[in-house]
PDB file of N, CA and C in Angstrom:
ATOM      1  N   MET A   1      73.817 103.000 101.893  1.00  0.00           N
ATOM      2  CA  MET A   1      74.530 102.784 103.136  1.00  0.00           C
ATOM      3  C   MET A   1      74.871 101.305 103.321  1.00  0.00           C
ATOM      4  N   LEU A   2      73.929 100.454 102.951  1.00  0.00           N
ATOM      5  CA  LEU A   2      74.163  99.035 103.143  1.00  0.00           C
ATOM      6  C   LEU A   2      75.282  98.542 102.228  1.00  0.00           C
ATOM      7  N   ALA A   3      75.331  99.090 101.016  1.00  0.00           N
ATOM      8  CA  ALA A   3      76.407  98.704 100.098  1.00  0.00           C
ATOM      9  C   ALA A   3      77.758  99.125 100.670  1.00  0.00           C
ATOM     10  N   MET A   4      77.810 100.295 101.302  1.00  0.00           N
ATOM     11  CA  MET A   4      79.058 100.756 101.910  1.00  0.00           C
ATOM     12  C   MET A   4      79.456  99.845 103.061  1.00  0.00           C
ATOM     13  N   ASP A   5      78.465  99.394 103.832  1.00  0.00           N
ATOM     14  CA  ASP A   5      78.743  98.492 104.940  1.00  0.00           C
ATOM     15  C   ASP A   5      79.308  97.173 104.421  1.00  0.00           C
ATOM     16  N   ILE A   6      78.761  96.704 103.322  1.00  0.00           N
ATOM     17  CA  ILE A   6      79.247  95.462 102.732  1.00  0.00           C
ATOM     18  C   ILE A   6      80.685  95.622 102.274  1.00  0.00           C
ATOM     19  N   VAL A   7      80.958  96.738 101.643  1.00  0.00           N
ATOM     20  CA  VAL A   7      82.314  96.978 101.165  1.00  0.00           C
ATOM     21  C   VAL A   7      83.284  97.071 102.338  1.00  0.00           C
ATOM     22  N   ASP A   8      82.872  97.728 103.415  1.00  0.00           N
ATOM     23  CA  ASP A   8      83.735  97.816 104.598  1.00  0.00           C
ATOM     24  C   ASP A   8      84.004  96.438 105.177  1.00  0.00           C
ATOM     25  N   THR A   9      82.990  95.592 105.202  1.00  0.00           N
ATOM     26  CA  THR A   9      83.168  94.229 105.697  1.00  0.00           C
ATOM     27  C   THR A   9      84.142  93.464 104.811  1.00  0.00           C
ATOM     28  N   LEU A  10      84.042  93.688 103.519  1.00  0.00           N
ATOM     29  CA  LEU A  10      84.947  93.015 102.592  1.00  0.00           C
ATOM     30  C   LEU A  10      86.393  93.448 102.817  1.00  0.00           C
ATOM     31  N   ARG A  11      86.579  94.708 103.098  1.00  0.00           N
ATOM     32  CA  ARG A  11      87.941  95.203 103.316  1.00  0.00           C
ATOM     33  C   ARG A  11      88.534  94.637 104.594  1.00  0.00           C
ATOM     34  N   ARG A  12      87.721  94.527 105.647  1.00  0.00           N
ATOM     35  CA  ARG A  12      88.232  94.036 106.926  1.00  0.00           C
ATOM     36  C   ARG A  12      88.610  92.566 106.859  1.00  0.00           C
ATOM     37  N   ASP A  13      87.890  91.810 106.122  1.00  0.00           N
ATOM     38  CA  ASP A  13      88.129  90.375 106.072  1.00  0.00           C
ATOM     39  C   ASP A  13      88.936  90.041 104.824  1.00  0.00           C
ATOM     40  N   ARG A  14      90.253  90.087 104.947  1.00  0.00           N
ATOM     41  CA  ARG A  14      91.129  89.898 103.794  1.00  0.00           C
ATOM     42  C   ARG A  14      91.044  88.490 103.216  1.00  0.00           C
ATOM     43  N   ARG A  15      90.581  87.562 104.021  1.00  0.00           N
ATOM     44  CA  ARG A  15      90.436  86.209 103.490  1.00  0.00           C
ATOM     45  C   ARG A  15      89.361  86.158 102.428  1.00  0.00           C
ATOM     46  N   VAL A  16      88.377  87.054 102.531  1.00  0.00           N
ATOM     47  CA  VAL A  16      87.256  87.034 101.602  1.00  0.00           C
ATOM     48  C   VAL A  16      87.669  87.564 100.239  1.00  0.00           C
ATOM     49  N   VAL A  17      88.445  88.608 100.254  1.00  0.00           N
ATOM     50  CA  VAL A  17      88.792  89.269  99.001  1.00  0.00           C
ATOM     51  C   VAL A  17      90.085  88.677  98.476  1.00  0.00           C
ATOM     52  N   SER A  18      90.011  87.952  97.404  1.00  0.00           N
ATOM     53  CA  SER A  18      91.243  87.490  96.773  1.00  0.00           C
ATOM     54  C   SER A  18      91.821  88.663  95.999  1.00  0.00           C
ATOM     55  N   GLN A  19      92.961  88.481  95.381  1.00  0.00           N
ATOM     56  CA  GLN A  19      93.638  89.624  94.791  1.00  0.00           C
ATOM     57  C   GLN A  19      92.789  90.306  93.727  1.00  0.00           C
ATOM     58  N   GLU A  20      92.095  89.585  92.920  1.00  0.00           N
ATOM     59  CA  GLU A  20      91.212  90.206  91.946  1.00  0.00           C
ATOM     60  C   GLU A  20      89.984  89.340  91.792  1.00  0.00           C
ATOM     61  N   LEU A  21      88.843  89.980  91.619  1.00  0.00           N
ATOM     62  CA  LEU A  21      87.600  89.247  91.413  1.00  0.00           C
ATOM     63  C   LEU A  21      87.340  89.183  89.909  1.00  0.00           C
ATOM     64  N   LEU A  22      87.945  88.209  89.273  1.00  0.00           N
ATOM     65  CA  LEU A  22      87.843  88.140  87.825  1.00  0.00           C
ATOM     66  C   LEU A  22      86.834  87.089  87.365  1.00  0.00           C
ATOM     67  N   THR A  23      86.756  85.988  88.067  1.00  0.00           N
ATOM     68  CA  THR A  23      85.919  84.895  87.578  1.00  0.00           C
ATOM     69  C   THR A  23      84.587  84.861  88.301  1.00  0.00           C
ATOM     70  N   GLU A  24      83.641  84.228  87.674  1.00  0.00           N
ATOM     71  CA  GLU A  24      82.320  84.076  88.285  1.00  0.00           C
ATOM     72  C   GLU A  24      82.398  83.187  89.521  1.00  0.00           C
ATOM     73  N   GLU A  25      83.295  82.212  89.494  1.00  0.00           N
ATOM     74  CA  GLU A  25      83.449  81.323  90.648  1.00  0.00           C
ATOM     75  C   GLU A  25      83.915  82.092  91.870  1.00  0.00           C
ATOM     76  N   GLN A  26      84.853  82.986  91.679  1.00  0.00           N
ATOM     77  CA  GLN A  26      85.317  83.800  92.796  1.00  0.00           C
ATOM     78  C   GLN A  26      84.193  84.692  93.318  1.00  0.00           C
ATOM     79  N   GLU A  27      83.380  85.221  92.416  1.00  0.00           N
ATOM     80  CA  GLU A  27      82.269  86.071  92.840  1.00  0.00           C
ATOM     81  C   GLU A  27      81.241  85.252  93.631  1.00  0.00           C
ATOM     82  N   LYS A  28      80.986  84.040  93.199  1.00  0.00           N
ATOM     83  CA  LYS A  28      80.049  83.179  93.936  1.00  0.00           C
ATOM     84  C   LYS A  28      80.589  82.866  95.327  1.00  0.00           C
ATOM     85  N   GLN A  29      81.900  82.574  95.411  1.00  0.00           N
ATOM     86  CA  GLN A  29      82.505  82.297  96.712  1.00  0.00           C
ATOM     87  C   GLN A  29      82.415  83.524  97.621  1.00  0.00           C
ATOM     88  N   LEU A  30      82.627  84.677  97.057  1.00  0.00           N
ATOM     89  CA  LEU A  30      82.546  85.913  97.828  1.00  0.00           C
ATOM     90  C   LEU A  30      81.127  86.148  98.329  1.00  0.00           C
ATOM     91  N   LEU A  31      80.135  85.927  97.473  1.00  0.00           N
ATOM     92  CA  LEU A  31      78.735  86.103  97.882  1.00  0.00           C
ATOM     93  C   LEU A  31      78.365  85.123  98.992  1.00  0.00           C
ATOM     94  N   GLU A  32      78.838  83.891  98.890  1.00  0.00           N
ATOM     95  CA  GLU A  32      78.573  82.909  99.938  1.00  0.00           C
ATOM     96  C   GLU A  32      79.230  83.318 101.252  1.00  0.00           C
ATOM     97  N   ARG A  33      80.445  83.806 101.171  1.00  0.00           N
ATOM     98  CA  ARG A  33      81.153  84.243 102.379  1.00  0.00           C
ATOM     99  C   ARG A  33      80.433  85.416 103.036  1.00  0.00           C
ATOM    100  N   LEU A  34      79.932  86.325 102.205  1.00  0.00           N
ATOM    101  CA  LEU A  34      79.178  87.461 102.752  1.00  0.00           C
ATOM    102  C   LEU A  34      77.906  86.993 103.451  1.00  0.00           C
ATOM    103  N   LYS A  35      77.236  86.046 102.859  1.00  0.00           N
ATOM    104  CA  LYS A  35      76.041  85.493 103.508  1.00  0.00           C
ATOM    105  C   LYS A  35      76.415  84.859 104.842  1.00  0.00           C
ATOM    106  N   ASP A  36      77.575  84.194 104.873  1.00  0.00           N
ATOM    107  CA  ASP A  36      78.047  83.587 106.129  1.00  0.00           C
ATOM    108  C   ASP A  36      78.391  84.649 107.168  1.00  0.00           C
ATOM    109  N   ILE A  37      78.833  85.797 106.724  1.00  0.00           N
ATOM    110  CA  ILE A  37      79.167  86.878 107.651  1.00  0.00           C
ATOM    111  C   ILE A  37      77.898  87.493 108.240  1.00  0.00           C
ATOM    112  N   TYR A  38      76.921  87.774 107.389  1.00  0.00           N
ATOM    113  CA  TYR A  38      75.712  88.457 107.851  1.00  0.00           C
ATOM    114  C   TYR A  38      74.697  87.523 108.502  1.00  0.00           C
ATOM    115  N   GLY A  39      74.696  86.243 108.134  1.00  0.00           N
ATOM    116  CA  GLY A  39      73.732  85.295 108.687  1.00  0.00           C
ATOM    117  C   GLY A  39      73.772  85.186 110.197  1.00  0.00           C
ATOM    118  N   PRO A  40      74.937  84.922 110.800  1.00  0.00           N
ATOM    119  CA  PRO A  40      75.009  84.805 112.264  1.00  0.00           C
ATOM    120  C   PRO A  40      74.660  86.098 113.000  1.00  0.00           C
ATOM    121  N   GLN A  41      74.768  87.215 112.324  1.00  0.00           N
ATOM    122  CA  GLN A  41      74.443  88.487 112.960  1.00  0.00           C
ATOM    123  C   GLN A  41      72.944  88.780 112.907  1.00  0.00           C
ATOM    124  N   GLY A  42      72.205  87.937 112.203  1.00  0.00           N
ATOM    125  CA  GLY A  42      70.761  88.124 112.102  1.00  0.00           C
ATOM    126  C   GLY A  42      70.366  89.205 111.105  1.00  0.00           C
ATOM    127  N   ILE A  43      71.257  89.527 110.202  1.00  0.00           N
ATOM    128  CA  ILE A  43      70.978  90.560 109.205  1.00  0.00           C
ATOM    129  C   ILE A  43      70.626  89.872 107.891  1.00  0.00           C
ATOM    130  N   GLU A  44      69.438  90.158 107.403  1.00  0.00           N
ATOM    131  CA  GLU A  44      69.001  89.603 106.124  1.00  0.00           C
ATOM    132  C   GLU A  44      69.392  90.573 105.019  1.00  0.00           C
ATOM    133  N   VAL A  45      70.223  90.105 104.097  1.00  0.00           N
ATOM    134  CA  VAL A  45      70.670  90.931 102.990  1.00  0.00           C
ATOM    135  C   VAL A  45      70.316  90.200 101.699  1.00  0.00           C
ATOM    136  N   SER A  46      69.667  90.933 100.794  1.00  0.00           N
ATOM    137  CA  SER A  46      69.265  90.295  99.534  1.00  0.00           C
ATOM    138  C   SER A  46      70.476  90.096  98.636  1.00  0.00           C
ATOM    139  N   ASP A  47      70.329  89.169  97.710  1.00  0.00           N
ATOM    140  CA  ASP A  47      71.418  88.886  96.775  1.00  0.00           C
ATOM    141  C   ASP A  47      71.719  90.098  95.900  1.00  0.00           C
ATOM    142  N   ASP A  48      70.682  90.875  95.569  1.00  0.00           N
ATOM    143  CA  ASP A  48      70.906  92.062  94.737  1.00  0.00           C
ATOM    144  C   ASP A  48      71.820  93.065  95.431  1.00  0.00           C
ATOM    145  N   ILE A  49      71.595  93.265  96.712  1.00  0.00           N
ATOM    146  CA  ILE A  49      72.426  94.212  97.460  1.00  0.00           C
ATOM    147  C   ILE A  49      73.856  93.683  97.580  1.00  0.00           C
ATOM    148  N   LEU A  50      73.997  92.393  97.811  1.00  0.00           N
ATOM    149  CA  LEU A  50      75.340  91.810  97.885  1.00  0.00           C
ATOM    150  C   LEU A  50      76.073  91.951  96.552  1.00  0.00           C
ATOM    151  N   LYS A  51      75.347  91.695  95.455  1.00  0.00           N
ATOM    152  CA  LYS A  51      75.962  91.829  94.129  1.00  0.00           C
ATOM    153  C   LYS A  51      76.341  93.277  93.854  1.00  0.00           C
ATOM    154  N   GLU A  52      75.516  94.212  94.310  1.00  0.00           N
ATOM    155  CA  GLU A  52      75.834  95.633  94.140  1.00  0.00           C
ATOM    156  C   GLU A  52      77.095  96.008  94.928  1.00  0.00           C
ATOM    157  N   GLY A  53      77.214  95.448  96.123  1.00  0.00           N
ATOM    158  CA  GLY A  53      78.416  95.702  96.911  1.00  0.00           C
ATOM    159  C   GLY A  53      79.655  95.129  96.266  1.00  0.00           C
ATOM    160  N   VAL A  54      79.549  93.942  95.703  1.00  0.00           N
ATOM    161  CA  VAL A  54      80.680  93.324  95.009  1.00  0.00           C
ATOM    162  C   VAL A  54      81.034  94.143  93.768  1.00  0.00           C
ATOM    163  N   ARG A  55      80.013  94.616  93.067  1.00  0.00           N
ATOM    164  CA  ARG A  55      80.248  95.453  91.899  1.00  0.00           C
ATOM    165  C   ARG A  55      80.952  96.754  92.299  1.00  0.00           C
ATOM    166  N   ALA A  56      80.532  97.346  93.405  1.00  0.00           N
ATOM    167  CA  ALA A  56      81.175  98.571  93.892  1.00  0.00           C
ATOM    168  C   ALA A  56      82.618  98.299  94.287  1.00  0.00           C
ATOM    169  N   LEU A  57      82.857  97.137  94.861  1.00  0.00           N
ATOM    170  CA  LEU A  57      84.227  96.764  95.223  1.00  0.00           C
ATOM    171  C   LEU A  57      85.081  96.621  93.969  1.00  0.00           C
ATOM    172  N   ARG A  58      84.528  95.994  92.972  1.00  0.00           N
ATOM    173  CA  ARG A  58      85.261  95.797  91.724  1.00  0.00           C
ATOM    174  C   ARG A  58      85.561  97.140  91.045  1.00  0.00           C
ATOM    175  N   GLU A  59      84.624  98.061  91.112  1.00  0.00           N
ATOM    176  CA  GLU A  59      84.812  99.378  90.489  1.00  0.00           C
ATOM    177  C   GLU A  59      85.678 100.294  91.345  1.00  0.00           C
ATOM    178  N   GLU A  60      86.023  99.851  92.544  1.00  0.00           N
ATOM    179  CA  GLU A  60      86.839 100.620  93.487  1.00  0.00           C
ATOM    180  C   GLU A  60      86.200 101.972  93.789  1.00  0.00           C
ATOM    181  N   ARG A  61      84.884 101.972  93.980  1.00  0.00           N
ATOM    182  CA  ARG A  61      84.159 103.208  94.275  1.00  0.00           C
ATOM    183  C   ARG A  61      84.519 103.794  95.627  1.00  0.00           C
ATOM    184  N   PHE A  62      84.827 102.955  96.583  1.00  0.00           N
ATOM    185  CA  PHE A  62      85.062 103.426  97.944  1.00  0.00           C
ATOM    186  C   PHE A  62      86.537 103.387  98.321  1.00  0.00           C
ATOM    187  N   VAL A  63      87.404 103.402  97.338  1.00  0.00           N
ATOM    188  CA  VAL A  63      88.837 103.371  97.581  1.00  0.00           C
ATOM    189  C   VAL A  63      89.334 104.816  97.666  1.00  0.00           C
ATOM    190  N   TYR A  64      90.131 105.086  98.674  1.00  0.00           N
ATOM    191  CA  TYR A  64      90.680 106.432  98.837  1.00  0.00           C
ATOM    192  C   TYR A  64      91.751 106.666  97.782  1.00  0.00           C
ATOM    193  N   LYS A  65      91.603 107.749  97.056  1.00  0.00           N
ATOM    194  CA  LYS A  65      92.611 108.153  96.070  1.00  0.00           C
ATOM    195  C   LYS A  65      93.118 109.518  96.494  1.00  0.00           C
ATOM    196  N   PRO A  66      94.392 109.606  96.889  1.00  0.00           N
ATOM    197  CA  PRO A  66      94.908 110.875  97.399  1.00  0.00           C
ATOM    198  C   PRO A  66      94.891 111.964  96.330  1.00  0.00           C
ATOM    199  N   THR A  67      94.820 113.197  96.798  1.00  0.00           N
ATOM    200  CA  THR A  67      94.827 114.344  95.911  1.00  0.00           C
ATOM    201  C   THR A  67      96.174 114.432  95.211  1.00  0.00           C
ATOM    202  N   PRO A  68      96.170 114.673  93.910  1.00  0.00           N
ATOM    203  CA  PRO A  68      97.462 114.788  93.219  1.00  0.00           C
ATOM    204  C   PRO A  68      98.214 116.023  93.693  1.00  0.00           C
ATOM    205  N   PRO A  69      99.534 116.000  93.627  1.00  0.00           N
ATOM    206  CA  PRO A  69     100.318 117.145  94.096  1.00  0.00           C
ATOM    207  C   PRO A  69      99.952 118.430  93.344  1.00  0.00           C
ATOM    208  N   SER A  70      99.822 119.515  94.098  1.00  0.00           N
ATOM    209  CA  SER A  70      99.538 120.828  93.522  1.00  0.00           C
ATOM    210  C   SER A  70      99.962 121.886  94.527  1.00  0.00           C
ATOM    211  N   PHE A  71      99.924 123.140  94.097  1.00  0.00           N
ATOM    212  CA  PHE A  71     100.319 124.232  94.977  1.00  0.00           C
ATOM    213  C   PHE A  71      99.369 124.341  96.166  1.00  0.00           C
ATOM    214  N   SER A  72      98.066 124.235  95.901  1.00  0.00           N
ATOM    215  CA  SER A  72      97.102 124.348  97.004  1.00  0.00           C
ATOM    216  C   SER A  72      97.240 123.194  97.991  1.00  0.00           C
ATOM    217  N   ARG A  73      97.559 122.002  97.493  1.00  0.00           N
ATOM    218  CA  ARG A  73      97.778 120.872  98.398  1.00  0.00           C
ATOM    219  C   ARG A  73      99.023 121.117  99.254  1.00  0.00           C
ATOM    220  N   THR A  74     100.075 121.671  98.651  1.00  0.00           N
ATOM    221  CA  THR A  74     101.291 121.973  99.395  1.00  0.00           C
ATOM    222  C   THR A  74     101.007 122.983 100.501  1.00  0.00           C
ATOM    223  N   LEU A  75     100.231 124.024 100.184  1.00  0.00           N
ATOM    224  CA  LEU A  75      99.859 125.008 101.207  1.00  0.00           C
ATOM    225  C   LEU A  75      99.049 124.361 102.331  1.00  0.00           C
ATOM    226  N   ALA A  76      98.144 123.468 101.961  1.00  0.00           N
ATOM    227  CA  ALA A  76      97.330 122.794 102.971  1.00  0.00           C
ATOM    228  C   ALA A  76      98.191 121.923 103.882  1.00  0.00           C
ATOM    229  N   VAL A  77      99.138 121.212 103.301  1.00  0.00           N
ATOM    230  CA  VAL A  77     100.025 120.357 104.092  1.00  0.00           C
ATOM    231  C   VAL A  77     100.889 121.207 105.019  1.00  0.00           C
ATOM    232  N   LEU A  78     101.394 122.337 104.509  1.00  0.00           N
ATOM    233  CA  LEU A  78     102.188 123.231 105.355  1.00  0.00           C
ATOM    234  C   LEU A  78     101.355 123.756 106.523  1.00  0.00           C
ATOM    235  N   TYR A  79     100.102 124.102 106.253  1.00  0.00           N
ATOM    236  CA  TYR A  79      99.239 124.605 107.314  1.00  0.00           C
ATOM    237  C   TYR A  79      98.986 123.522 108.363  1.00  0.00           C
ATOM    238  N   VAL A  80      98.718 122.332 107.924  1.00  0.00           N
ATOM    239  CA  VAL A  80      98.414 121.245 108.855  1.00  0.00           C
ATOM    240  C   VAL A  80      99.643 120.900 109.699  1.00  0.00           C
ATOM    241  N   ARG A  81     100.815 120.974 109.108  1.00  0.00           N
ATOM    242  CA  ARG A  81     102.043 120.614 109.829  1.00  0.00           C
ATOM    243  C   ARG A  81     102.757 121.823 110.418  1.00  0.00           C
ATOM    244  N   ARG A  82     102.030 122.887 110.626  1.00  0.00           N
ATOM    245  CA  ARG A  82     102.648 124.124 111.116  1.00  0.00           C
ATOM    246  C   ARG A  82     103.277 123.951 112.487  1.00  0.00           C
ATOM    247  N   ARG A  83     102.828 123.050 113.280  1.00  0.00           N
ATOM    248  CA  ARG A  83     103.401 122.829 114.613  1.00  0.00           C
ATOM    249  C   ARG A  83     104.886 122.474 114.505  1.00  0.00           C
ATOM    250  N   HIS A  84     105.253 121.785 113.449  1.00  0.00           N
ATOM    251  CA  HIS A  84     106.637 121.346 113.288  1.00  0.00           C
ATOM    252  C   HIS A  84     107.545 122.465 112.795  1.00  0.00           C
ATOM    253  N   TRP A  85     107.097 123.212 111.794  1.00  0.00           N
ATOM    254  CA  TRP A  85     107.988 124.207 111.204  1.00  0.00           C
ATOM    255  C   TRP A  85     107.833 125.598 111.800  1.00  0.00           C
ATOM    256  N   LEU A  86     106.724 125.896 112.473  1.00  0.00           N
ATOM    257  CA  LEU A  86     106.495 127.241 112.994  1.00  0.00           C
ATOM    258  C   LEU A  86     107.495 127.591 114.100  1.00  0.00           C
ATOM    259  N   LYS A  87     107.855 126.649 114.933  1.00  0.00           N
ATOM    260  CA  LYS A  87     108.836 126.897 115.992  1.00  0.00           C
ATOM    261  C   LYS A  87     110.178 127.320 115.393  1.00  0.00           C
ATOM    262  N   LEU A  88     110.578 126.655 114.330  1.00  0.00           N
ATOM    263  CA  LEU A  88     111.840 126.995 113.686  1.00  0.00           C
ATOM    264  C   LEU A  88     111.779 128.402 113.084  1.00  0.00           C
ATOM    265  N   VAL A  89     110.673 128.738 112.438  1.00  0.00           N
ATOM    266  CA  VAL A  89     110.533 130.064 111.832  1.00  0.00           C
ATOM    267  C   VAL A  89     110.555 131.149 112.910  1.00  0.00           C
ATOM    268  N   ILE A  90     109.888 130.924 114.016  1.00  0.00           N
ATOM    269  CA  ILE A  90     109.883 131.899 115.113  1.00  0.00           C
ATOM    270  C   ILE A  90     111.292 132.046 115.695  1.00  0.00           C
ATOM    271  N   ALA A  91     111.999 130.943 115.880  1.00  0.00           N
ATOM    272  CA  ALA A  91     113.364 131.002 116.415  1.00  0.00           C
ATOM    273  C   ALA A  91     114.287 131.768 115.481  1.00  0.00           C
ATOM    274  N   ILE A  92     114.173 131.530 114.193  1.00  0.00           N
ATOM    275  CA  ILE A  92     114.995 132.260 113.226  1.00  0.00           C
ATOM    276  C   ILE A  92     114.638 133.741 113.238  1.00  0.00           C
ATOM    277  N   GLY A  93     113.359 134.070 113.336  1.00  0.00           N
ATOM    278  CA  GLY A  93     112.930 135.467 113.405  1.00  0.00           C
ATOM    279  C   GLY A  93     113.467 136.169 114.643  1.00  0.00           C
ATOM    280  N   ILE A  94     113.420 135.515 115.784  1.00  0.00           N
ATOM    281  CA  ILE A  94     113.941 136.106 117.026  1.00  0.00           C
ATOM    282  C   ILE A  94     115.453 136.290 116.918  1.00  0.00           C
ATOM    283  N   PHE A  95     116.136 135.303 116.353  1.00  0.00           N
ATOM    284  CA  PHE A  95     117.579 135.411 116.174  1.00  0.00           C
ATOM    285  C   PHE A  95     117.927 136.583 115.256  1.00  0.00           C
ATOM    286  N   ALA A  96     117.172 136.738 114.153  1.00  0.00           N
ATOM    287  CA  ALA A  96     117.425 137.847 113.234  1.00  0.00           C
ATOM    288  C   ALA A  96     117.158 139.187 113.916  1.00  0.00           C
ATOM    289  N   LEU A  97     116.106 139.276 114.716  1.00  0.00           N
ATOM    290  CA  LEU A  97     115.794 140.506 115.437  1.00  0.00           C
ATOM    291  C   LEU A  97     116.898 140.840 116.433  1.00  0.00           C
ATOM    292  N   LEU A  98     117.364 139.854 117.189  1.00  0.00           N
ATOM    293  CA  LEU A  98     118.455 140.078 118.146  1.00  0.00           C
ATOM    294  C   LEU A  98     119.735 140.493 117.429  1.00  0.00           C
ATOM    295  N   LEU A  99     120.012 139.879 116.306  1.00  0.00           N
ATOM    296  CA  LEU A  99     121.195 140.243 115.537  1.00  0.00           C
ATOM    297  C   LEU A  99     121.101 141.686 115.048  1.00  0.00           C
ATOM    298  N   PHE A 100     119.913 142.073 114.577  1.00  0.00           N
ATOM    299  CA  PHE A 100     119.713 143.454 114.133  1.00  0.00           C
ATOM    300  C   PHE A 100     119.885 144.424 115.298  1.00  0.00           C
ATOM    301  N   LEU A 101     119.277 144.114 116.441  1.00  0.00           N
ATOM    302  CA  LEU A 101     119.388 145.006 117.597  1.00  0.00           C
ATOM    303  C   LEU A 101     120.828 145.092 118.102  1.00  0.00           C
ATOM    304  N   PHE A 102     121.524 143.967 118.113  1.00  0.00           N
ATOM    305  CA  PHE A 102     122.913 143.961 118.548  1.00  0.00           C
ATOM    306  C   PHE A 102     123.770 144.795 117.601  1.00  0.00           C
ATOM    307  N   ASN A 103     123.551 144.629 116.310  1.00  0.00           N
ATOM    308  CA  ASN A 103     124.299 145.383 115.306  1.00  0.00           C
ATOM    309  C   ASN A 103     124.001 146.881 115.440  1.00  0.00           C
ATOM    310  N   ASP A 104     122.752 147.230 115.681  1.00  0.00           N
ATOM    311  CA  ASP A 104     122.368 148.627 115.847  1.00  0.00           C
ATOM    312  C   ASP A 104     122.990 149.217 117.107  1.00  0.00           C
ATOM    313  N   ALA A 105     123.035 148.446 118.172  1.00  0.00           N
ATOM    314  CA  ALA A 105     123.607 148.924 119.428  1.00  0.00           C
ATOM    315  C   ALA A 105     125.109 149.147 119.283  1.00  0.00           C
ATOM    316  N   ILE A 106     125.766 148.254 118.574  1.00  0.00           N
ATOM    317  CA  ILE A 106     127.221 148.413 118.392  1.00  0.00           C
ATOM    318  C   ILE A 106     127.521 149.610 117.484  1.00  0.00           C
ATOM    319  N   SER A 107     126.736 149.771 116.445  1.00  0.00           N
ATOM    320  CA  SER A 107     127.016 150.865 115.510  1.00  0.00           C
ATOM    321  C   SER A 107     126.745 152.227 116.140  1.00  0.00           C
ATOM    322  N   THR A 108     125.833 152.321 117.112  1.00  0.00           N
ATOM    323  CA  THR A 108     125.581 153.612 117.764  1.00  0.00           C
ATOM    324  C   THR A 108     126.608 153.914 118.828  1.00  0.00           C
ATOM    325  N   THR A 109     127.255 152.928 119.399  1.00  0.00           N
ATOM    326  CA  THR A 109     128.244 153.179 120.448  1.00  0.00           C
ATOM    327  C   THR A 109     129.638 153.430 119.900  1.00  0.00           C
ATOM    328  N   LEU A 110     129.910 153.005 118.707  1.00  0.00           N
ATOM    329  CA  LEU A 110     131.252 153.223 118.123  1.00  0.00           C
ATOM    330  C   LEU A 110     131.365 154.674 117.652  1.00  0.00           C
ATOM    331  N   PRO A 111     132.535 155.277 117.882  1.00  0.00           N
ATOM    332  CA  PRO A 111     132.730 156.641 117.395  1.00  0.00           C
ATOM    333  C   PRO A 111     132.909 156.646 115.885  1.00  0.00           C
ATOM    334  N   GLU A 112     132.413 157.688 115.296  1.00  0.00           N
ATOM    335  CA  GLU A 112     132.560 157.802 113.847  1.00  0.00           C
ATOM    336  C   GLU A 112     133.960 158.228 113.544  1.00  0.00           C
ATOM    337  N   GLY A 113     134.573 157.636 112.540  1.00  0.00           N
ATOM    338  CA  GLY A 113     135.969 157.851 112.242  1.00  0.00           C
ATOM    339  C   GLY A 113     136.270 159.133 111.492  1.00  0.00           C
ATOM    340  N   ASP A 114     135.400 159.821 110.969  1.00  0.00           N
ATOM    341  CA  ASP A 114     135.729 160.988 110.160  1.00  0.00           C
ATOM    342  C   ASP A 114     135.323 162.254 110.728  1.00  0.00           C
TER     343      ASP A 114
END
């Protein structure tokens, strides 16, 4: 949990995270910045936990990766967004029903020609 909290703090403070953590110097600067963040809050965090959080950040363990497109994902998206398309489907259904009833009413009232 603490590693996740560290990673969340890193994400919020964009000044702390440079574009890539490639060098040891950048990692040292990041660890110092984290100590500066937690120190005033009265939270004692060991260097091992901070290094684990930085390692997790580097491995992108807590980065959201969206589900790749698939049929089941499409069905799920349609279900979630049903408020938008369901009204249209109901309107088309009512229109088709009225058209059928109107056509049936006209065909029963017209005299047969033969």
